[in-house]
Amino acid sequence: MINGRPTDVYARHHHAWRVNIDPDVALTPHGKDRYTREIVEVSRSADGVVSVRYPRYDDHP
């Protein structure tokens, strides 16, 4: 954390049945991977689907 903001945090999904990334989440390629420099919300449903989207609160950075 720097100045109260997460810094250089990453997550990898393993054994996910499917990954849904909202179209408004900007991803940057880096080798074989892609990443975002923005704060996102990552969740997993009971059936193994991982979802990535912007946080649901109104004051998102």
Protein backbone atom coordinates (compact mmCIF):
# COMPACT_ATOMS: atom_id res chain seq x y z
CA MET A 1 0.00 0.00 0.00
CA ILE A 2 1.19 3.48 -0.86
CA ASN A 3 -0.85 6.40 0.42
CA GLY A 4 -3.69 4.02 1.27
CA ARG A 5 -3.90 2.50 -2.23
CA PRO A 6 -3.03 -1.07 -3.22
CA THR A 7 0.21 -1.23 -5.20
CA ASP A 8 1.57 -4.02 -7.38
CA VAL A 9 -1.04 -6.58 -6.38
CA TYR A 10 -1.78 -9.42 -8.76
CA ALA A 11 -3.99 -12.46 -8.82
CA ARG A 12 -3.90 -15.60 -10.91
CA HIS A 13 -6.84 -17.89 -11.43
CA HIS A 14 -6.23 -21.62 -11.26
CA HIS A 15 -8.78 -24.29 -12.07
CA ALA A 16 -11.39 -21.73 -13.09
CA TRP A 17 -14.08 -23.18 -15.30
CA ARG A 18 -14.47 -19.79 -17.02
CA VAL A 19 -13.23 -16.22 -16.51
CA ASN A 20 -15.54 -13.30 -17.34
CA ILE A 21 -13.84 -9.92 -17.68
CA ASP A 22 -16.13 -6.93 -18.07
CA PRO A 23 -15.48 -5.17 -21.38
CA ASP A 24 -14.79 -1.83 -19.63
CA VAL A 25 -11.82 -3.31 -17.71
CA ALA A 26 -8.71 -2.30 -19.67
CA LEU A 27 -6.09 -5.06 -19.88
CA THR A 28 -2.48 -4.55 -20.95
CA PRO A 29 -0.50 -7.44 -22.46
CA HIS A 30 2.68 -8.53 -20.68
CA GLY A 31 4.32 -11.61 -22.20
CA LYS A 32 1.80 -14.47 -22.00
CA ASP A 33 -0.27 -12.61 -19.40
CA ARG A 34 -2.51 -9.54 -19.29
CA TYR A 35 -2.97 -7.18 -16.37
CA THR A 36 -4.75 -4.00 -15.32
CA ARG A 37 -3.27 -1.11 -13.37
CA GLU A 38 -6.69 -0.23 -12.00
CA ILE A 39 -8.50 -1.46 -8.92
CA VAL A 40 -10.91 -4.25 -9.84
CA GLU A 41 -13.23 -6.59 -8.00
CA VAL A 42 -12.58 -10.31 -8.44
CA SER A 43 -15.14 -12.88 -7.36
CA ARG A 44 -15.85 -16.56 -7.91
CA SER A 45 -19.28 -18.12 -8.15
CA ALA A 46 -20.24 -21.50 -6.70
CA ASP A 47 -19.94 -23.08 -10.16
CA GLY A 48 -16.31 -21.94 -10.55
CA VAL A 49 -16.77 -18.90 -12.80
CA VAL A 50 -14.34 -16.07 -11.96
CA SER A 51 -15.58 -12.52 -12.65
CA VAL A 52 -13.42 -9.40 -12.95
CA ARG A 53 -15.05 -5.96 -12.97
CA TYR A 54 -14.75 -2.48 -11.57
CA PRO A 55 -15.87 -2.16 -7.94
CA ARG A 56 -19.55 -1.51 -7.43
CA TYR A 57 -19.19 1.55 -5.20
CA ASP A 58 -19.80 5.08 -6.53
CA ASP A 59 -16.46 6.67 -5.58
CA HIS A 60 -14.23 4.18 -7.39
CA PRO A 61 -10.81 5.71 -8.16
